[in-house]
């Protein structure tokens, strides 16, 4: 049976077909700033049809998406306009005529990939951390990904930066402060740095005190929330993925230092085996297995 994995992100869509004969094929799309959800989905369907024409009918589909996944809707997915208004499951079933369809949160799908085939394989208590357009974690306990009562376990991007009861300013979340889009916006608006996005900020931090300070503030805030999450589940290993890992040692070294300094039993901090493709790999696994992670 041919299966299709679809990974919808805040800035891109990745698709992968794996055939019953062991062949595979991929396609990728960029999501334009301000592009509407229906446009994104229509273009993704065009790509998926082209893959199916090359390799034959699709028998099962696995989908990873930002947000909290319910039977036929996705809540709390603000990075693509109108995404939460889509009847995503219905659209997919109507388009491809399949009943074997599994939709899961992207970070939990990535954690599934790491736990089955990646750096969390064989780890009894571990954690996957996504640092990219969005920020979230997924605890892995006994080989299963923890979903929570509403599928929202690990949504640390909603954590508060600064005083919770400061009525003199709007509440700022971790994702708004240190996530890819939020940090890009703060970098572009800063009069103290010349960089225009996070990648430029990391490069500029090597020779600019202002850029180094802004980057350190973002990493320290991520570390603070990661320490709290690690204290909750006591993982032996944390696998980190997402676009911000392109910063390499500028990200991982201070995170490791904070974990070692703050935790009674510091976990090993490692890079994801699948990098930015972890959610796509998890989507393909969901298509093969036909169910969400527990």
C-alpha atoms as a PDB file:
ATOM      1  CA  UNK A   1       0.000   0.000   0.000  1.00  0.00           C
ATOM      2  CA  UNK A   2       1.268   3.476  -0.882  1.00  0.00           C
ATOM      3  CA  UNK A   3       1.163   5.970   1.976  1.00  0.00           C
ATOM      4  CA  UNK A   4       1.356   9.760   2.034  1.00  0.00           C
ATOM      5  CA  UNK A   5       2.798  11.898   4.811  1.00  0.00           C
ATOM      6  CA  UNK A   6       1.948  15.608   4.874  1.00  0.00           C
ATOM      7  CA  UNK A   7       3.649  18.042   7.238  1.00  0.00           C
ATOM      8  CA  UNK A   8       2.009  21.472   7.447  1.00  0.00           C
ATOM      9  CA  UNK A   9       4.153  24.091   9.191  1.00  0.00           C
ATOM     10  CA  UNK A  10       3.948  27.803   9.795  1.00  0.00           C
ATOM     11  CA  UNK A  11       6.089  28.632   6.749  1.00  0.00           C
ATOM     12  CA  UNK A  12       6.213  25.455   4.634  1.00  0.00           C
ATOM     13  CA  UNK A  13       4.496  22.226   3.609  1.00  0.00           C
ATOM     14  CA  UNK A  14       6.442  18.983   3.114  1.00  0.00           C
ATOM     15  CA  UNK A  15       4.996  15.859   1.486  1.00  0.00           C
ATOM     16  CA  UNK A  16       6.413  12.353   1.193  1.00  0.00           C
ATOM     17  CA  UNK A  17       5.054   9.264  -0.571  1.00  0.00           C
ATOM     18  CA  UNK A  18       6.371   5.822   0.335  1.00  0.00           C
ATOM     19  CA  UNK A  19       5.326   2.975  -1.934  1.00  0.00           C
ATOM     20  CA  UNK A  20       4.649  -0.663  -1.185  1.00  0.00           C
ATOM     21  CA  UNK A  21       7.790  -1.481  -3.213  1.00  0.00           C
ATOM     22  CA  UNK A  22       9.974   0.655  -0.943  1.00  0.00           C
ATOM     23  CA  UNK A  23      10.356   3.715  -3.187  1.00  0.00           C
ATOM     24  CA  UNK A  24       9.914   7.227  -1.857  1.00  0.00           C
ATOM     25  CA  UNK A  25       9.390  10.702  -3.301  1.00  0.00           C
ATOM     26  CA  UNK A  26       9.088  14.150  -1.730  1.00  0.00           C
ATOM     27  CA  UNK A  27       7.825  17.646  -2.533  1.00  0.00           C
ATOM     28  CA  UNK A  28       8.005  20.935  -0.627  1.00  0.00           C
ATOM     29  CA  UNK A  29       6.122  24.230  -0.742  1.00  0.00           C
ATOM     30  CA  UNK A  30       6.747  27.602   0.859  1.00  0.00           C
ATOM     31  CA  UNK A  31       3.801  29.318   2.522  1.00  0.00           C
ATOM     32  CA  UNK A  32       3.708  32.984   1.588  1.00  0.00           C
ATOM     33  CA  UNK A  33       3.357  35.545   4.362  1.00  0.00           C
ATOM     34  CA  UNK A  34      -0.363  36.252   4.728  1.00  0.00           C
ATOM     35  CA  UNK A  35      -1.407  33.311   2.504  1.00  0.00           C
ATOM     36  CA  UNK A  36      -4.853  31.954   3.352  1.00  0.00           C
ATOM     37  CA  UNK A  37      -5.351  28.401   4.615  1.00  0.00           C
ATOM     38  CA  UNK A  38      -7.523  27.315   1.651  1.00  0.00           C
ATOM     39  CA  UNK A  39      -4.783  28.396  -0.759  1.00  0.00           C
ATOM     40  CA  UNK A  40      -2.147  26.461   1.192  1.00  0.00           C
ATOM     41  CA  UNK A  41      -4.312  23.344   1.234  1.00  0.00           C
ATOM     42  CA  UNK A  42      -5.174  23.581  -2.477  1.00  0.00           C
ATOM     43  CA  UNK A  43      -1.491  23.856  -3.437  1.00  0.00           C
ATOM     44  CA  UNK A  44      -0.621  20.951  -1.151  1.00  0.00           C
ATOM     45  CA  UNK A  45      -3.326  18.849  -2.814  1.00  0.00           C
ATOM     46  CA  UNK A  46      -1.894  19.684  -6.238  1.00  0.00           C
ATOM     47  CA  UNK A  47       1.515  18.422  -5.095  1.00  0.00           C
ATOM     48  CA  UNK A  48       0.027  15.302  -3.550  1.00  0.00           C
ATOM     49  CA  UNK A  49      -1.865  14.498  -6.763  1.00  0.00           C
ATOM     50  CA  UNK A  50       1.356  14.858  -8.759  1.00  0.00           C
ATOM     51  CA  UNK A  51       3.100  12.415  -6.417  1.00  0.00           C
ATOM     52  CA  UNK A  52       0.205   9.961  -6.698  1.00  0.00           C
ATOM     53  CA  UNK A  53       0.285  10.165 -10.493  1.00  0.00           C
ATOM     54  CA  UNK A  54       3.948   9.135 -10.444  1.00  0.00           C
ATOM     55  CA  UNK A  55       3.608   6.305  -7.943  1.00  0.00           C
ATOM     56  CA  UNK A  56       0.000   5.101  -7.888  1.00  0.00           C
ATOM     57  CA  UNK A  57      -3.047   5.523  -5.621  1.00  0.00           C
ATOM     58  CA  UNK A  58      -2.649   6.543  -1.983  1.00  0.00           C
ATOM     59  CA  UNK A  59      -4.034   4.030   0.513  1.00  0.00           C
ATOM     60  CA  UNK A  60      -3.387   5.845   3.803  1.00  0.00           C
ATOM     61  CA  UNK A  61      -2.475   9.381   4.882  1.00  0.00           C
ATOM     62  CA  UNK A  62      -0.728  10.741   7.954  1.00  0.00           C
ATOM     63  CA  UNK A  63      -0.789  14.485   8.611  1.00  0.00           C
ATOM     64  CA  UNK A  64       1.192  16.611  11.054  1.00  0.00           C
ATOM     65  CA  UNK A  65      -0.008  20.141  11.748  1.00  0.00           C
ATOM     66  CA  UNK A  66       0.537  22.921  14.265  1.00  0.00           C
ATOM     67  CA  UNK A  67      -2.220  23.305  16.823  1.00  0.00           C
ATOM     68  CA  UNK A  68      -4.450  21.068  18.905  1.00  0.00           C
ATOM     69  CA  UNK A  69      -6.045  18.330  16.821  1.00  0.00           C
ATOM     70  CA  UNK A  70      -9.662  17.272  17.200  1.00  0.00           C
ATOM     71  CA  UNK A  71     -11.814  14.967  15.078  1.00  0.00           C
ATOM     72  CA  UNK A  72     -12.347  17.421  12.222  1.00  0.00           C
ATOM     73  CA  UNK A  73     -10.719  20.677  13.240  1.00  0.00           C
ATOM     74  CA  UNK A  74      -7.440  22.081  14.465  1.00  0.00           C
ATOM     75  CA  UNK A  75      -7.505  24.695  17.201  1.00  0.00           C
ATOM     76  CA  UNK A  76      -4.797  27.186  18.251  1.00  0.00           C
ATOM     77  CA  UNK A  77      -2.935  27.294  14.938  1.00  0.00           C
ATOM     78  CA  UNK A  78      -2.470  31.041  14.337  1.00  0.00           C
ATOM     79  CA  UNK A  79       0.521  31.067  11.977  1.00  0.00           C
ATOM     80  CA  UNK A  80      -1.527  30.271   8.831  1.00  0.00           C
ATOM     81  CA  UNK A  81      -4.564  32.497   8.425  1.00  0.00           C
ATOM     82  CA  UNK A  82      -7.793  30.507   8.658  1.00  0.00           C
ATOM     83  CA  UNK A  83      -6.187  27.157   9.481  1.00  0.00           C
ATOM     84  CA  UNK A  84      -8.455  26.633  12.485  1.00  0.00           C
ATOM     85  CA  UNK A  85     -11.520  27.300  10.297  1.00  0.00           C
ATOM     86  CA  UNK A  86     -10.775  24.364   7.972  1.00  0.00           C
ATOM     87  CA  UNK A  87     -12.590  21.053   8.247  1.00  0.00           C
ATOM     88  CA  UNK A  88      -9.213  19.454   7.605  1.00  0.00           C
ATOM     89  CA  UNK A  89     -10.217  15.806   7.939  1.00  0.00           C
ATOM     90  CA  UNK A  90     -13.241  16.196   5.656  1.00  0.00           C
ATOM     91  CA  UNK A  91     -11.202  18.021   3.007  1.00  0.00           C
ATOM     92  CA  UNK A  92      -8.546  15.296   3.014  1.00  0.00           C
ATOM     93  CA  UNK A  93     -11.045  12.431   2.844  1.00  0.00           C
ATOM     94  CA  UNK A  94     -12.990  14.098   0.040  1.00  0.00           C
ATOM     95  CA  UNK A  95      -9.828  14.813  -1.936  1.00  0.00           C
ATOM     96  CA  UNK A  96      -8.191  11.392  -1.694  1.00  0.00           C
ATOM     97  CA  UNK A  97     -11.117   9.073  -0.962  1.00  0.00           C
ATOM     98  CA  UNK A  98      -9.331   7.377   1.955  1.00  0.00           C
ATOM     99  CA  UNK A  99     -10.693   6.233   5.295  1.00  0.00           C
ATOM    100  CA  UNK A 100      -7.208   5.507   6.690  1.00  0.00           C
ATOM    101  CA  UNK A 101      -6.394   9.071   7.801  1.00  0.00           C
ATOM    102  CA  UNK A 102      -4.555  10.141  10.958  1.00  0.00           C
ATOM    103  CA  UNK A 103      -3.960  13.785  11.886  1.00  0.00           C
ATOM    104  CA  UNK A 104      -1.638  14.735  14.728  1.00  0.00           C
ATOM    105  CA  UNK A 105       0.084  17.768  16.202  1.00  0.00           C
ATOM    106  CA  UNK A 106       3.433  18.327  14.461  1.00  0.00           C
ATOM    107  CA  UNK A 107       5.615  18.217  17.579  1.00  0.00           C
ATOM    108  CA  UNK A 108       3.990  15.014  18.807  1.00  0.00           C
ATOM    109  CA  UNK A 109       4.458  13.488  15.342  1.00  0.00           C
ATOM    110  CA  UNK A 110       8.141  14.481  15.454  1.00  0.00           C
ATOM    111  CA  UNK A 111       8.465  12.943  18.921  1.00  0.00           C
ATOM    112  CA  UNK A 112       6.971   9.716  17.563  1.00  0.00           C
ATOM    113  CA  UNK A 113       9.665   9.608  14.860  1.00  0.00           C
ATOM    114  CA  UNK A 114      12.435  10.212  17.396  1.00  0.00           C
ATOM    115  CA  UNK A 115      11.040   7.627  19.785  1.00  0.00           C
ATOM    116  CA  UNK A 116      10.637   4.908  17.123  1.00  0.00           C
ATOM    117  CA  UNK A 117      13.692   5.482  14.930  1.00  0.00           C
ATOM    118  CA  UNK A 118      15.703   8.418  16.318  1.00  0.00           C
ATOM    119  CA  UNK A 119      17.530   9.721  19.366  1.00  0.00           C
ATOM    120  CA  UNK A 120      14.780   8.776  21.827  1.00  0.00           C
ATOM    121  CA  UNK A 121      14.624   5.137  20.717  1.00  0.00           C
ATOM    122  CA  UNK A 122      14.938   2.889  23.790  1.00  0.00           C
ATOM    123  CA  UNK A 123      14.740   5.865  26.195  1.00  0.00           C
ATOM    124  CA  UNK A 124      12.239   5.141  28.965  1.00  0.00           C
ATOM    125  CA  UNK A 125      11.625   8.791  29.898  1.00  0.00           C
ATOM    126  CA  UNK A 126      12.662  11.373  27.314  1.00  0.00           C
ATOM    127  CA  UNK A 127      11.525  14.603  25.727  1.00  0.00           C
ATOM    128  CA  UNK A 128      11.411  16.055  22.242  1.00  0.00           C
ATOM    129  CA  UNK A 129      11.743  19.847  21.992  1.00  0.00           C
ATOM    130  CA  UNK A 130      10.818  21.834  18.890  1.00  0.00           C
ATOM    131  CA  UNK A 131      12.430  25.255  18.534  1.00  0.00           C
ATOM    132  CA  UNK A 132      11.272  26.815  15.291  1.00  0.00           C
ATOM    133  CA  UNK A 133       8.378  28.944  14.080  1.00  0.00           C
ATOM    134  CA  UNK A 134       6.656  27.609  17.176  1.00  0.00           C
ATOM    135  CA  UNK A 135       7.993  26.291  20.468  1.00  0.00           C
ATOM    136  CA  UNK A 136       6.662  23.138  22.119  1.00  0.00           C
ATOM    137  CA  UNK A 137       7.798  19.951  23.807  1.00  0.00           C
ATOM    138  CA  UNK A 138       6.546  16.366  23.773  1.00  0.00           C
ATOM    139  CA  UNK A 139       7.350  14.071  26.709  1.00  0.00           C
ATOM    140  CA  UNK A 140       7.986  10.435  25.759  1.00  0.00           C
ATOM    141  CA  UNK A 141       7.268   7.945  28.549  1.00  0.00           C
ATOM    142  CA  UNK A 142       7.657   4.186  28.151  1.00  0.00           C
ATOM    143  CA  UNK A 143       7.898   4.509  24.380  1.00  0.00           C
ATOM    144  CA  UNK A 144       4.651   6.515  24.107  1.00  0.00           C
ATOM    145  CA  UNK A 145       4.183  10.209  23.363  1.00  0.00           C
ATOM    146  CA  UNK A 146       2.168  11.975  26.061  1.00  0.00           C
ATOM    147  CA  UNK A 147      -0.823  13.809  24.549  1.00  0.00           C
ATOM    148  CA  UNK A 148      -2.662  15.115  27.620  1.00  0.00           C
ATOM    149  CA  UNK A 149      -6.383  15.426  28.320  1.00  0.00           C
ATOM    150  CA  UNK A 150      -6.998  17.725  25.323  1.00  0.00           C
ATOM    151  CA  UNK A 151      -3.989  16.831  23.163  1.00  0.00           C
ATOM    152  CA  UNK A 152      -2.231  19.942  24.495  1.00  0.00           C
ATOM    153  CA  UNK A 153       0.500  18.393  26.658  1.00  0.00           C
ATOM    154  CA  UNK A 154       3.793  20.209  26.151  1.00  0.00           C
ATOM    155  CA  UNK A 155       2.476  23.465  24.668  1.00  0.00           C
ATOM    156  CA  UNK A 156       5.105  25.486  26.536  1.00  0.00           C
ATOM    157  CA  UNK A 157       5.034  28.165  23.838  1.00  0.00           C
ATOM    158  CA  UNK A 158       2.015  29.549  25.723  1.00  0.00           C
ATOM    159  CA  UNK A 159       4.163  30.001  28.832  1.00  0.00           C
ATOM    160  CA  UNK A 160       4.385  33.556  30.159  1.00  0.00           C
ATOM    161  CA  UNK A 161       7.467  35.732  29.824  1.00  0.00           C
ATOM    162  CA  UNK A 162       7.833  38.160  32.721  1.00  0.00           C
ATOM    163  CA  UNK A 163       5.380  38.755  35.587  1.00  0.00           C
ATOM    164  CA  UNK A 164       2.038  37.026  35.113  1.00  0.00           C
ATOM    165  CA  UNK A 165       0.072  39.791  36.879  1.00  0.00           C
ATOM    166  CA  UNK A 166       1.779  42.830  35.340  1.00  0.00           C
ATOM    167  CA  UNK A 167      -1.288  44.837  34.304  1.00  0.00           C
ATOM    168  CA  UNK A 168       0.796  47.638  32.827  1.00  0.00           C
ATOM    169  CA  UNK A 169       1.742  45.734  29.677  1.00  0.00           C
ATOM    170  CA  UNK A 170       0.230  43.012  27.473  1.00  0.00           C
ATOM    171  CA  UNK A 171       1.007  39.405  28.336  1.00  0.00           C
ATOM    172  CA  UNK A 172       3.908  38.086  26.260  1.00  0.00           C
ATOM    173  CA  UNK A 173       4.247  34.347  25.592  1.00  0.00           C
ATOM    174  CA  UNK A 174       7.441  32.347  25.149  1.00  0.00           C
ATOM    175  CA  UNK A 175       6.623  31.721  21.488  1.00  0.00           C
ATOM    176  CA  UNK A 176       6.036  35.426  20.829  1.00  0.00           C
ATOM    177  CA  UNK A 177       9.309  36.299  22.556  1.00  0.00           C
ATOM    178  CA  UNK A 178      11.665  33.549  21.376  1.00  0.00           C
ATOM    179  CA  UNK A 179       9.913  31.529  18.645  1.00  0.00           C
ATOM    180  CA  UNK A 180      11.048  31.918  15.036  1.00  0.00           C
ATOM    181  CA  UNK A 181       8.442  34.421  13.860  1.00  0.00           C
ATOM    182  CA  UNK A 182       8.323  36.346  17.123  1.00  0.00           C
ATOM    183  CA  UNK A 183      12.082  36.689  17.342  1.00  0.00           C
ATOM    184  CA  UNK A 184      12.320  37.613  13.647  1.00  0.00           C
ATOM    185  CA  UNK A 185       9.877  40.448  14.312  1.00  0.00           C
ATOM    186  CA  UNK A 186      11.771  41.711  17.340  1.00  0.00           C
ATOM    187  CA  UNK A 187      15.075  41.568  15.455  1.00  0.00           C
ATOM    188  CA  UNK A 188      13.679  43.496  12.481  1.00  0.00           C
ATOM    189  CA  UNK A 189      12.228  46.167  14.781  1.00  0.00           C
ATOM    190  CA  UNK A 190      15.361  46.646  16.897  1.00  0.00           C
ATOM    191  CA  UNK A 191      17.355  49.834  16.248  1.00  0.00           C
ATOM    192  CA  UNK A 192      20.396  48.282  17.950  1.00  0.00           C
ATOM    193  CA  UNK A 193      21.039  45.421  15.504  1.00  0.00           C
ATOM    194  CA  UNK A 194      21.494  45.407  11.747  1.00  0.00           C
ATOM    195  CA  UNK A 195      20.205  41.851  11.224  1.00  0.00           C
ATOM    196  CA  UNK A 196      16.714  41.393   9.826  1.00  0.00           C
ATOM    197  CA  UNK A 197      15.949  37.866  11.082  1.00  0.00           C
ATOM    198  CA  UNK A 198      17.029  35.243  13.626  1.00  0.00           C
ATOM    199  CA  UNK A 199      19.712  33.677  11.418  1.00  0.00           C
ATOM    200  CA  UNK A 200      21.279  37.088  10.904  1.00  0.00           C
ATOM    201  CA  UNK A 201      21.041  37.812  14.630  1.00  0.00           C
ATOM    202  CA  UNK A 202      23.059  34.677  15.474  1.00  0.00           C
ATOM    203  CA  UNK A 203      25.772  35.655  12.991  1.00  0.00           C
ATOM    204  CA  UNK A 204      25.843  39.255  14.224  1.00  0.00           C
ATOM    205  CA  UNK A 205      26.042  38.141  17.861  1.00  0.00           C
ATOM    206  CA  UNK A 206      29.647  37.058  17.284  1.00  0.00           C
ATOM    207  CA  UNK A 207      30.783  40.689  16.974  1.00  0.00           C
ATOM    208  CA  UNK A 208      27.959  42.858  18.354  1.00  0.00           C
ATOM    209  CA  UNK A 209      27.119  43.274  22.041  1.00  0.00           C
ATOM    210  CA  UNK A 210      23.544  44.316  21.237  1.00  0.00           C
ATOM    211  CA  UNK A 211      22.921  41.270  19.032  1.00  0.00           C
ATOM    212  CA  UNK A 212      24.612  38.959  21.547  1.00  0.00           C
ATOM    213  CA  UNK A 213      22.410  40.349  24.310  1.00  0.00           C
ATOM    214  CA  UNK A 214      19.189  39.872  22.316  1.00  0.00           C
ATOM    215  CA  UNK A 215      20.114  36.298  21.368  1.00  0.00           C
ATOM    216  CA  UNK A 216      21.134  35.470  24.949  1.00  0.00           C
ATOM    217  CA  UNK A 217      17.819  36.814  26.272  1.00  0.00           C
ATOM    218  CA  UNK A 218      15.881  34.558  23.881  1.00  0.00           C
ATOM    219  CA  UNK A 219      17.944  31.458  24.699  1.00  0.00           C
ATOM    220  CA  UNK A 220      17.776  32.131  28.442  1.00  0.00           C
ATOM    221  CA  UNK A 221      13.972  32.394  28.276  1.00  0.00           C
ATOM    222  CA  UNK A 222      13.765  29.105  26.363  1.00  0.00           C
ATOM    223  CA  UNK A 223      16.087  27.519  28.932  1.00  0.00           C
ATOM    224  CA  UNK A 224      13.950  28.724  31.836  1.00  0.00           C
ATOM    225  CA  UNK A 225      10.853  27.018  30.449  1.00  0.00           C
ATOM    226  CA  UNK A 226      12.819  23.909  29.466  1.00  0.00           C
ATOM    227  CA  UNK A 227      14.173  23.555  33.002  1.00  0.00           C
ATOM    228  CA  UNK A 228      10.628  23.669  34.394  1.00  0.00           C
ATOM    229  CA  UNK A 229       9.441  21.074  31.874  1.00  0.00           C
ATOM    230  CA  UNK A 230      12.390  18.804  32.667  1.00  0.00           C
ATOM    231  CA  UNK A 231      11.686  19.053  36.394  1.00  0.00           C
ATOM    232  CA  UNK A 232       8.143  17.846  35.703  1.00  0.00           C
ATOM    233  CA  UNK A 233       8.979  14.579  33.917  1.00  0.00           C
ATOM    234  CA  UNK A 234      12.697  13.982  34.790  1.00  0.00           C
ATOM    235  CA  UNK A 235      13.882  12.884  31.305  1.00  0.00           C
ATOM    236  CA  UNK A 236      17.201  11.119  30.796  1.00  0.00           C
ATOM    237  CA  UNK A 237      17.568  12.544  27.277  1.00  0.00           C
ATOM    238  CA  UNK A 238      16.171  15.554  25.433  1.00  0.00           C
ATOM    239  CA  UNK A 239      16.228  15.633  21.613  1.00  0.00           C
ATOM    240  CA  UNK A 240      16.051  19.128  20.110  1.00  0.00           C
ATOM    241  CA  UNK A 241      14.758  19.805  16.601  1.00  0.00           C
ATOM    242  CA  UNK A 242      13.303  22.658  14.576  1.00  0.00           C
ATOM    243  CA  UNK A 243      14.737  25.463  12.483  1.00  0.00           C
ATOM    244  CA  UNK A 244      16.495  27.243  15.366  1.00  0.00           C
ATOM    245  CA  UNK A 245      18.905  24.301  15.722  1.00  0.00           C
ATOM    246  CA  UNK A 246      20.708  25.715  12.684  1.00  0.00           C
ATOM    247  CA  UNK A 247      22.336  28.033  15.247  1.00  0.00           C
ATOM    248  CA  UNK A 248      24.354  24.996  16.393  1.00  0.00           C
ATOM    249  CA  UNK A 249      26.525  25.555  19.445  1.00  0.00           C
ATOM    250  CA  UNK A 250      25.191  29.079  19.936  1.00  0.00           C
ATOM    251  CA  UNK A 251      21.915  27.412  20.956  1.00  0.00           C
ATOM    252  CA  UNK A 252      22.845  24.002  22.345  1.00  0.00           C
ATOM    253  CA  UNK A 253      25.804  25.033  24.506  1.00  0.00           C
ATOM    254  CA  UNK A 254      23.953  27.614  26.635  1.00  0.00           C
ATOM    255  CA  UNK A 255      20.907  25.339  26.888  1.00  0.00           C
ATOM    256  CA  UNK A 256      23.098  22.486  28.123  1.00  0.00           C
ATOM    257  CA  UNK A 257      24.834  24.797  30.592  1.00  0.00           C
ATOM    258  CA  UNK A 258      21.496  25.930  32.026  1.00  0.00           C
ATOM    259  CA  UNK A 259      20.213  22.364  32.400  1.00  0.00           C
ATOM    260  CA  UNK A 260      23.410  21.253  34.134  1.00  0.00           C
ATOM    261  CA  UNK A 261      23.359  24.230  36.478  1.00  0.00           C
ATOM    262  CA  UNK A 262      19.655  24.091  37.377  1.00  0.00           C
ATOM    263  CA  UNK A 263      18.632  20.431  37.473  1.00  0.00           C
ATOM    264  CA  UNK A 264      19.454  17.835  40.138  1.00  0.00           C
ATOM    265  CA  UNK A 265      19.727  15.139  37.438  1.00  0.00           C
ATOM    266  CA  UNK A 266      20.556  16.900  34.147  1.00  0.00           C
ATOM    267  CA  UNK A 267      19.445  15.022  31.013  1.00  0.00           C
ATOM    268  CA  UNK A 268      21.623  14.494  27.975  1.00  0.00           C
ATOM    269  CA  UNK A 269      20.815  17.161  25.364  1.00  0.00           C
ATOM    270  CA  UNK A 270      21.145  15.961  21.750  1.00  0.00           C
ATOM    271  CA  UNK A 271      20.169  17.077  18.271  1.00  0.00           C
ATOM    272  CA  UNK A 272      17.209  15.378  16.628  1.00  0.00           C
ATOM    273  CA  UNK A 273      18.134  12.599  14.203  1.00  0.00           C
ATOM    274  CA  UNK A 274      15.657  13.957  11.652  1.00  0.00           C
ATOM    275  CA  UNK A 275      16.257  17.695  11.989  1.00  0.00           C
ATOM    276  CA  UNK A 276      13.578  19.777  10.249  1.00  0.00           C
ATOM    277  CA  UNK A 277      12.061  16.589   8.754  1.00  0.00           C
ATOM    278  CA  UNK A 278      11.098  14.993  12.071  1.00  0.00           C
ATOM    279  CA  UNK A 279       7.405  15.942  11.778  1.00  0.00           C
ATOM    280  CA  UNK A 280       7.250  14.652   8.193  1.00  0.00           C
ATOM    281  CA  UNK A 281       8.853  11.372   9.244  1.00  0.00           C
ATOM    282  CA  UNK A 282       6.274  11.111  12.021  1.00  0.00           C
ATOM    283  CA  UNK A 283       3.438  11.800   9.565  1.00  0.00           C
ATOM    284  CA  UNK A 284       4.574   8.891   7.382  1.00  0.00           C
ATOM    285  CA  UNK A 285       4.670   6.637  10.458  1.00  0.00           C
ATOM    286  CA  UNK A 286       1.132   7.710  11.348  1.00  0.00           C
ATOM    287  CA  UNK A 287       0.001   6.730   7.846  1.00  0.00           C
ATOM    288  CA  UNK A 288       1.688   3.333   8.172  1.00  0.00           C
ATOM    289  CA  UNK A 289       0.394   2.606  11.654  1.00  0.00           C
ATOM    290  CA  UNK A 290      -3.013   4.206  11.382  1.00  0.00           C
ATOM    291  CA  UNK A 291      -3.253   5.750  14.845  1.00  0.00           C
ATOM    292  CA  UNK A 292      -2.014   8.657  16.909  1.00  0.00           C
ATOM    293  CA  UNK A 293       0.764   8.300  19.452  1.00  0.00           C
ATOM    294  CA  UNK A 294      -0.668   7.376  22.842  1.00  0.00           C
END
